[in-house]
Amino acid sequence: MENINVSAEDLKKLIRDVAQIKEMLTEEKGEIELTNWAKEELEEARNRSEKEYVSLENVKKRILSKK
Protein backbone atom coordinates (compact mmCIF):
# COMPACT_ATOMS: atom_id res chain seq x y z
CA MET A 1 0.00 0.00 0.00
CA GLU A 2 1.29 3.46 -0.90
CA ASN A 3 1.69 6.09 1.81
CA ILE A 4 0.37 9.57 1.12
CA ASN A 5 1.54 12.64 3.01
CA VAL A 6 -1.31 15.02 3.79
CA SER A 7 -1.17 18.20 5.84
CA ALA A 8 -3.34 18.44 8.94
CA GLU A 9 -5.24 21.34 7.38
CA ASP A 10 -5.99 19.35 4.20
CA LEU A 11 -7.15 16.41 6.30
CA LYS A 12 -9.45 18.65 8.36
CA LYS A 13 -10.93 20.10 5.15
CA LEU A 14 -11.48 16.62 3.77
CA ILE A 15 -13.22 15.55 6.98
CA ARG A 16 -15.49 18.63 6.82
CA ASP A 17 -16.28 17.95 3.16
CA VAL A 18 -17.16 14.30 3.84
CA ALA A 19 -19.36 15.35 6.78
CA GLN A 20 -21.15 17.85 4.55
CA ILE A 21 -21.70 15.26 1.83
CA LYS A 22 -22.97 12.77 4.42
CA GLU A 23 -25.37 15.37 5.79
CA MET A 24 -26.66 16.18 2.31
CA LEU A 25 -27.25 12.51 1.56
CA THR A 26 -29.10 11.85 4.80
CA GLU A 27 -31.39 14.88 4.68
CA GLU A 28 -35.08 14.15 5.00
CA LYS A 29 -35.86 15.62 1.59
CA GLY A 30 -36.45 12.19 0.20
CA GLU A 31 -34.61 10.78 -2.75
CA ILE A 32 -32.23 13.16 -4.48
CA GLU A 33 -32.43 13.20 -8.27
CA LEU A 34 -29.19 13.61 -10.21
CA THR A 35 -29.08 16.13 -13.03
CA ASN A 36 -28.69 14.82 -16.56
CA TRP A 37 -25.13 16.18 -16.57
CA ALA A 38 -24.30 14.27 -13.37
CA LYS A 39 -25.84 11.08 -14.76
CA GLU A 40 -23.76 11.38 -17.94
CA GLU A 41 -20.56 12.06 -15.99
CA LEU A 42 -21.24 9.10 -13.70
CA GLU A 43 -21.91 6.81 -16.66
CA GLU A 44 -18.69 7.96 -18.35
CA ALA A 45 -16.65 7.46 -15.16
CA ARG A 46 -18.03 3.96 -14.65
CA ASN A 47 -17.13 3.00 -18.21
CA ARG A 48 -13.60 4.45 -18.08
CA SER A 49 -10.75 1.96 -18.02
CA GLU A 50 -8.44 2.07 -15.01
CA LYS A 51 -5.57 2.39 -17.49
CA GLU A 52 -6.77 5.94 -18.19
CA TYR A 53 -6.45 6.96 -14.53
CA VAL A 54 -3.66 9.31 -13.53
CA SER A 55 -1.72 8.58 -10.36
CA LEU A 56 -1.76 11.07 -7.52
CA GLU A 57 2.00 11.47 -7.91
CA ASN A 58 1.61 12.45 -11.58
CA VAL A 59 -1.14 14.91 -10.69
CA LYS A 60 1.13 16.52 -8.11
CA LYS A 61 3.95 16.76 -10.67
CA ARG A 62 1.65 18.39 -13.23
CA ILE A 63 0.35 20.93 -10.74
CA LEU A 64 3.76 21.78 -9.33
CA SER A 65 5.31 22.14 -12.79
CA LYS A 66 2.79 24.91 -13.62
CA LYS A 67 3.93 27.15 -10.75
PDB file of N, CA and C in Angstrom:
ATOM      1  N   MET A   1       0.840  -1.174   0.000  1.00  0.00           N
ATOM      2  CA  MET A   1       0.000   0.000   0.000  1.00  0.00           C
ATOM      3  C   MET A   1       0.888   1.242   0.000  1.00  0.00           C
ATOM      4  N   GLU A   2       0.512   2.228  -0.768  1.00  0.00           N
ATOM      5  CA  GLU A   2       1.291   3.455  -0.898  1.00  0.00           C
ATOM      6  C   GLU A   2       0.922   4.440   0.209  1.00  0.00           C
ATOM      7  N   ASN A   3       1.922   5.055   0.810  1.00  0.00           N
ATOM      8  CA  ASN A   3       1.688   6.088   1.814  1.00  0.00           C
ATOM      9  C   ASN A   3       1.516   7.430   1.127  1.00  0.00           C
ATOM     10  N   ILE A   4       0.616   8.241   1.663  1.00  0.00           N
ATOM     11  CA  ILE A   4       0.372   9.566   1.120  1.00  0.00           C
ATOM     12  C   ILE A   4       0.538  10.572   2.248  1.00  0.00           C
ATOM     13  N   ASN A   5       1.353  11.585   2.023  1.00  0.00           N
ATOM     14  CA  ASN A   5       1.541  12.639   3.010  1.00  0.00           C
ATOM     15  C   ASN A   5       0.489  13.714   2.794  1.00  0.00           C
ATOM     16  N   VAL A   6      -0.252  14.024   3.858  1.00  0.00           N
ATOM     17  CA  VAL A   6      -1.308  15.021   3.790  1.00  0.00           C
ATOM     18  C   VAL A   6      -1.141  15.955   4.979  1.00  0.00           C
ATOM     19  N   SER A   7      -1.282  17.244   4.738  1.00  0.00           N
ATOM     20  CA  SER A   7      -1.170  18.195   5.840  1.00  0.00           C
ATOM     21  C   SER A   7      -2.395  18.081   6.742  1.00  0.00           C
ATOM     22  N   ALA A   8      -2.229  18.488   7.980  1.00  0.00           N
ATOM     23  CA  ALA A   8      -3.335  18.443   8.943  1.00  0.00           C
ATOM     24  C   ALA A   8      -4.494  19.299   8.456  1.00  0.00           C
ATOM     25  N   GLU A   9      -4.188  20.451   7.871  1.00  0.00           N
ATOM     26  CA  GLU A   9      -5.238  21.341   7.379  1.00  0.00           C
ATOM     27  C   GLU A   9      -6.015  20.693   6.228  1.00  0.00           C
ATOM     28  N   ASP A  10      -5.317  20.044   5.303  1.00  0.00           N
ATOM     29  CA  ASP A  10      -5.989  19.349   4.201  1.00  0.00           C
ATOM     30  C   ASP A  10      -6.866  18.218   4.721  1.00  0.00           C
ATOM     31  N   LEU A  11      -6.377  17.502   5.724  1.00  0.00           N
ATOM     32  CA  LEU A  11      -7.148  16.408   6.303  1.00  0.00           C
ATOM     33  C   LEU A  11      -8.408  16.938   6.982  1.00  0.00           C
ATOM     34  N   LYS A  12      -8.285  18.046   7.701  1.00  0.00           N
ATOM     35  CA  LYS A  12      -9.453  18.652   8.358  1.00  0.00           C
ATOM     36  C   LYS A  12     -10.481  19.087   7.324  1.00  0.00           C
ATOM     37  N   LYS A  13     -10.007  19.669   6.215  1.00  0.00           N
ATOM     38  CA  LYS A  13     -10.926  20.098   5.154  1.00  0.00           C
ATOM     39  C   LYS A  13     -11.627  18.893   4.546  1.00  0.00           C
ATOM     40  N   LEU A  14     -10.897  17.832   4.321  1.00  0.00           N
ATOM     41  CA  LEU A  14     -11.482  16.616   3.766  1.00  0.00           C
ATOM     42  C   LEU A  14     -12.545  16.045   4.704  1.00  0.00           C
ATOM     43  N   ILE A  15     -12.262  16.045   5.995  1.00  0.00           N
ATOM     44  CA  ILE A  15     -13.224  15.549   6.978  1.00  0.00           C
ATOM     45  C   ILE A  15     -14.483  16.407   6.962  1.00  0.00           C
ATOM     46  N   ARG A  16     -14.325  17.737   6.884  1.00  0.00           N
ATOM     47  CA  ARG A  16     -15.494  18.628   6.821  1.00  0.00           C
ATOM     48  C   ARG A  16     -16.297  18.370   5.556  1.00  0.00           C
ATOM     49  N   ASP A  17     -15.598  18.197   4.428  1.00  0.00           N
ATOM     50  CA  ASP A  17     -16.282  17.946   3.159  1.00  0.00           C
ATOM     51  C   ASP A  17     -17.077  16.644   3.199  1.00  0.00           C
ATOM     52  N   VAL A  18     -16.479  15.597   3.747  1.00  0.00           N
ATOM     53  CA  VAL A  18     -17.165  14.305   3.844  1.00  0.00           C
ATOM     54  C   VAL A  18     -18.378  14.431   4.760  1.00  0.00           C
ATOM     55  N   ALA A  19     -18.232  15.155   5.861  1.00  0.00           N
ATOM     56  CA  ALA A  19     -19.356  15.351   6.780  1.00  0.00           C
ATOM     57  C   ALA A  19     -20.489  16.094   6.085  1.00  0.00           C
ATOM     58  N   GLN A  20     -20.139  17.097   5.277  1.00  0.00           N
ATOM     59  CA  GLN A  20     -21.154  17.851   4.553  1.00  0.00           C
ATOM     60  C   GLN A  20     -21.860  16.968   3.524  1.00  0.00           C
ATOM     61  N   ILE A  21     -21.110  16.172   2.806  1.00  0.00           N
ATOM     62  CA  ILE A  21     -21.705  15.257   1.826  1.00  0.00           C
ATOM     63  C   ILE A  21     -22.622  14.267   2.525  1.00  0.00           C
ATOM     64  N   LYS A  22     -22.161  13.727   3.652  1.00  0.00           N
ATOM     65  CA  LYS A  22     -22.970  12.773   4.415  1.00  0.00           C
ATOM     66  C   LYS A  22     -24.268  13.425   4.870  1.00  0.00           C
ATOM     67  N   GLU A  23     -24.181  14.658   5.344  1.00  0.00           N
ATOM     68  CA  GLU A  23     -25.372  15.372   5.786  1.00  0.00           C
ATOM     69  C   GLU A  23     -26.343  15.588   4.632  1.00  0.00           C
ATOM     70  N   MET A  24     -25.808  15.958   3.480  1.00  0.00           N
ATOM     71  CA  MET A  24     -26.657  16.183   2.312  1.00  0.00           C
ATOM     72  C   MET A  24     -27.372  14.902   1.895  1.00  0.00           C
ATOM     73  N   LEU A  25     -26.668  13.780   1.986  1.00  0.00           N
ATOM     74  CA  LEU A  25     -27.249  12.510   1.558  1.00  0.00           C
ATOM     75  C   LEU A  25     -28.272  11.964   2.540  1.00  0.00           C
ATOM     76  N   THR A  26     -28.187  12.386   3.794  1.00  0.00           N
ATOM     77  CA  THR A  26     -29.101  11.854   4.799  1.00  0.00           C
ATOM     78  C   THR A  26     -30.224  12.822   5.143  1.00  0.00           C
ATOM     79  N   GLU A  27     -30.313  13.936   4.427  1.00  0.00           N
ATOM     80  CA  GLU A  27     -31.391  14.884   4.682  1.00  0.00           C
ATOM     81  C   GLU A  27     -32.736  14.212   4.436  1.00  0.00           C
ATOM     82  N   GLU A  28     -33.746  14.739   5.091  1.00  0.00           N
ATOM     83  CA  GLU A  28     -35.082  14.145   4.995  1.00  0.00           C
ATOM     84  C   GLU A  28     -35.863  14.671   3.798  1.00  0.00           C
ATOM     85  N   LYS A  29     -35.184  15.098   2.776  1.00  0.00           N
ATOM     86  CA  LYS A  29     -35.858  15.620   1.590  1.00  0.00           C
ATOM     87  C   LYS A  29     -36.327  14.505   0.666  1.00  0.00           C
ATOM     88  N   GLY A  30     -36.088  13.304   1.064  1.00  0.00           N
ATOM     89  CA  GLY A  30     -36.450  12.193   0.196  1.00  0.00           C
ATOM     90  C   GLY A  30     -35.314  11.869  -0.740  1.00  0.00           C
ATOM     91  N   GLU A  31     -35.627  11.195  -1.799  1.00  0.00           N
ATOM     92  CA  GLU A  31     -34.609  10.775  -2.751  1.00  0.00           C
ATOM     93  C   GLU A  31     -34.125  11.961  -3.575  1.00  0.00           C
ATOM     94  N   ILE A  32     -32.822  12.065  -3.712  1.00  0.00           N
ATOM     95  CA  ILE A  32     -32.229  13.156  -4.475  1.00  0.00           C
ATOM     96  C   ILE A  32     -32.065  12.704  -5.925  1.00  0.00           C
ATOM     97  N   GLU A  33     -32.519  13.519  -6.849  1.00  0.00           N
ATOM     98  CA  GLU A  33     -32.430  13.205  -8.274  1.00  0.00           C
ATOM     99  C   GLU A  33     -31.181  13.856  -8.857  1.00  0.00           C
ATOM    100  N   LEU A  34     -30.373  13.074  -9.547  1.00  0.00           N
ATOM    101  CA  LEU A  34     -29.191  13.612 -10.209  1.00  0.00           C
ATOM    102  C   LEU A  34     -29.601  14.376 -11.458  1.00  0.00           C
ATOM    103  N   THR A  35     -28.837  15.405 -11.780  1.00  0.00           N
ATOM    104  CA  THR A  35     -29.083  16.129 -13.028  1.00  0.00           C
ATOM    105  C   THR A  35     -28.640  15.248 -14.191  1.00  0.00           C
ATOM    106  N   ASN A  36     -29.099  15.577 -15.377  1.00  0.00           N
ATOM    107  CA  ASN A  36     -28.687  14.817 -16.562  1.00  0.00           C
ATOM    108  C   ASN A  36     -27.181  14.867 -16.730  1.00  0.00           C
ATOM    109  N   TRP A  37     -26.585  16.048 -16.474  1.00  0.00           N
ATOM    110  CA  TRP A  37     -25.132  16.182 -16.573  1.00  0.00           C
ATOM    111  C   TRP A  37     -24.445  15.214 -15.620  1.00  0.00           C
ATOM    112  N   ALA A  38     -24.911  15.154 -14.362  1.00  0.00           N
ATOM    113  CA  ALA A  38     -24.297  14.270 -13.368  1.00  0.00           C
ATOM    114  C   ALA A  38     -24.455  12.805 -13.772  1.00  0.00           C
ATOM    115  N   LYS A  39     -25.615  12.454 -14.310  1.00  0.00           N
ATOM    116  CA  LYS A  39     -25.840  11.081 -14.759  1.00  0.00           C
ATOM    117  C   LYS A  39     -24.879  10.708 -15.890  1.00  0.00           C
ATOM    118  N   GLU A  40     -24.684  11.632 -16.828  1.00  0.00           N
ATOM    119  CA  GLU A  40     -23.764  11.376 -17.944  1.00  0.00           C
ATOM    120  C   GLU A  40     -22.327  11.242 -17.456  1.00  0.00           C
ATOM    121  N   GLU A  41     -21.920  12.116 -16.534  1.00  0.00           N
ATOM    122  CA  GLU A  41     -20.563  12.057 -15.986  1.00  0.00           C
ATOM    123  C   GLU A  41     -20.344  10.755 -15.221  1.00  0.00           C
ATOM    124  N   LEU A  42     -21.331  10.336 -14.462  1.00  0.00           N
ATOM    125  CA  LEU A  42     -21.239   9.096 -13.700  1.00  0.00           C
ATOM    126  C   LEU A  42     -21.136   7.896 -14.636  1.00  0.00           C
ATOM    127  N   GLU A  43     -21.947   7.890 -15.669  1.00  0.00           N
ATOM    128  CA  GLU A  43     -21.906   6.808 -16.655  1.00  0.00           C
ATOM    129  C   GLU A  43     -20.529   6.738 -17.323  1.00  0.00           C
ATOM    130  N   GLU A  44     -20.005   7.909 -17.703  1.00  0.00           N
ATOM    131  CA  GLU A  44     -18.692   7.959 -18.346  1.00  0.00           C
ATOM    132  C   GLU A  44     -17.603   7.460 -17.394  1.00  0.00           C
ATOM    133  N   ALA A  45     -17.662   7.872 -16.144  1.00  0.00           N
ATOM    134  CA  ALA A  45     -16.655   7.457 -15.163  1.00  0.00           C
ATOM    135  C   ALA A  45     -16.707   5.953 -14.928  1.00  0.00           C
ATOM    136  N   ARG A  46     -17.897   5.405 -14.879  1.00  0.00           N
ATOM    137  CA  ARG A  46     -18.035   3.961 -14.650  1.00  0.00           C
ATOM    138  C   ARG A  46     -17.517   3.143 -15.830  1.00  0.00           C
ATOM    139  N   ASN A  47     -17.575   3.715 -17.017  1.00  0.00           N
ATOM    140  CA  ASN A  47     -17.129   2.999 -18.212  1.00  0.00           C
ATOM    141  C   ASN A  47     -15.653   3.220 -18.528  1.00  0.00           C
ATOM    142  N   ARG A  48     -15.006   4.126 -17.814  1.00  0.00           N
ATOM    143  CA  ARG A  48     -13.598   4.452 -18.076  1.00  0.00           C
ATOM    144  C   ARG A  48     -12.696   3.327 -17.578  1.00  0.00           C
ATOM    145  N   SER A  49     -11.724   2.984 -18.384  1.00  0.00           N
ATOM    146  CA  SER A  49     -10.755   1.958 -18.019  1.00  0.00           C
ATOM    147  C   SER A  49      -9.800   2.502 -16.966  1.00  0.00           C
ATOM    148  N   GLU A  50      -9.385   1.652 -16.041  1.00  0.00           N
ATOM    149  CA  GLU A  50      -8.440   2.074 -15.012  1.00  0.00           C
ATOM    150  C   GLU A  50      -7.104   2.484 -15.618  1.00  0.00           C
ATOM    151  N   LYS A  51      -6.815   2.012 -16.819  1.00  0.00           N
ATOM    152  CA  LYS A  51      -5.568   2.387 -17.495  1.00  0.00           C
ATOM    153  C   LYS A  51      -5.529   3.879 -17.818  1.00  0.00           C
ATOM    154  N   GLU A  52      -6.698   4.510 -17.897  1.00  0.00           N
ATOM    155  CA  GLU A  52      -6.774   5.940 -18.189  1.00  0.00           C
ATOM    156  C   GLU A  52      -6.567   6.802 -16.947  1.00  0.00           C
ATOM    157  N   TYR A  53      -6.597   6.203 -15.774  1.00  0.00           N
ATOM    158  CA  TYR A  53      -6.454   6.961 -14.533  1.00  0.00           C
ATOM    159  C   TYR A  53      -5.054   7.550 -14.437  1.00  0.00           C
ATOM    160  N   VAL A  54      -4.944   8.657 -13.765  1.00  0.00           N
ATOM    161  CA  VAL A  54      -3.661   9.314 -13.533  1.00  0.00           C
ATOM    162  C   VAL A  54      -3.335   9.169 -12.054  1.00  0.00           C
ATOM    163  N   SER A  55      -2.106   8.774 -11.759  1.00  0.00           N
ATOM    164  CA  SER A  55      -1.722   8.579 -10.363  1.00  0.00           C
ATOM    165  C   SER A  55      -1.661   9.916  -9.635  1.00  0.00           C
ATOM    166  N   LEU A  56      -1.835   9.874  -8.336  1.00  0.00           N
ATOM    167  CA  LEU A  56      -1.756  11.074  -7.517  1.00  0.00           C
ATOM    168  C   LEU A  56      -0.394  11.738  -7.677  1.00  0.00           C
ATOM    169  N   GLU A  57       0.647  10.933  -7.749  1.00  0.00           N
ATOM    170  CA  GLU A  57       2.000  11.467  -7.907  1.00  0.00           C
ATOM    171  C   GLU A  57       2.128  12.251  -9.214  1.00  0.00           C
ATOM    172  N   ASN A  58       1.565  11.737 -10.303  1.00  0.00           N
ATOM    173  CA  ASN A  58       1.609  12.449 -11.581  1.00  0.00           C
ATOM    174  C   ASN A  58       0.780  13.730 -11.547  1.00  0.00           C
ATOM    175  N   VAL A  59      -0.328  13.701 -10.839  1.00  0.00           N
ATOM    176  CA  VAL A  59      -1.145  14.910 -10.692  1.00  0.00           C
ATOM    177  C   VAL A  59      -0.347  15.975  -9.954  1.00  0.00           C
ATOM    178  N   LYS A  60       0.311  15.573  -8.866  1.00  0.00           N
ATOM    179  CA  LYS A  60       1.133  16.521  -8.109  1.00  0.00           C
ATOM    180  C   LYS A  60       2.218  17.122  -8.995  1.00  0.00           C
ATOM    181  N   LYS A  61       2.882  16.282  -9.787  1.00  0.00           N
ATOM    182  CA  LYS A  61       3.948  16.763 -10.667  1.00  0.00           C
ATOM    183  C   LYS A  61       3.408  17.767 -11.680  1.00  0.00           C
ATOM    184  N   ARG A  62       2.246  17.477 -12.250  1.00  0.00           N
ATOM    185  CA  ARG A  62       1.653  18.386 -13.234  1.00  0.00           C
ATOM    186  C   ARG A  62       1.317  19.734 -12.605  1.00  0.00           C
ATOM    187  N   ILE A  63       0.734  19.695 -11.421  1.00  0.00           N
ATOM    188  CA  ILE A  63       0.350  20.933 -10.740  1.00  0.00           C
ATOM    189  C   ILE A  63       1.581  21.741 -10.361  1.00  0.00           C
ATOM    190  N   LEU A  64       2.566  21.074  -9.788  1.00  0.00           N
ATOM    191  CA  LEU A  64       3.762  21.779  -9.332  1.00  0.00           C
ATOM    192  C   LEU A  64       4.599  22.313 -10.488  1.00  0.00           C
ATOM    193  N   SER A  65       4.529  21.678 -11.643  1.00  0.00           N
ATOM    194  CA  SER A  65       5.307  22.145 -12.794  1.00  0.00           C
ATOM    195  C   SER A  65       4.707  23.409 -13.405  1.00  0.00           C
ATOM    196  N   LYS A  66       3.458  23.718 -13.078  1.00  0.00           N
ATOM    197  CA  LYS A  66       2.792  24.907 -13.621  1.00  0.00           C
ATOM    198  C   LYS A  66       3.064  26.151 -12.788  1.00  0.00           C
ATOM    199  N   LYS A  67       3.676  25.993 -11.624  1.00  0.00           N
ATOM    200  CA  LYS A  67       3.933  27.149 -10.746  1.00  0.00           C
ATOM    201  C   LYS A  67       5.112  27.941 -11.207  1.00  0.00           C
TER     202      LYS A  67
END
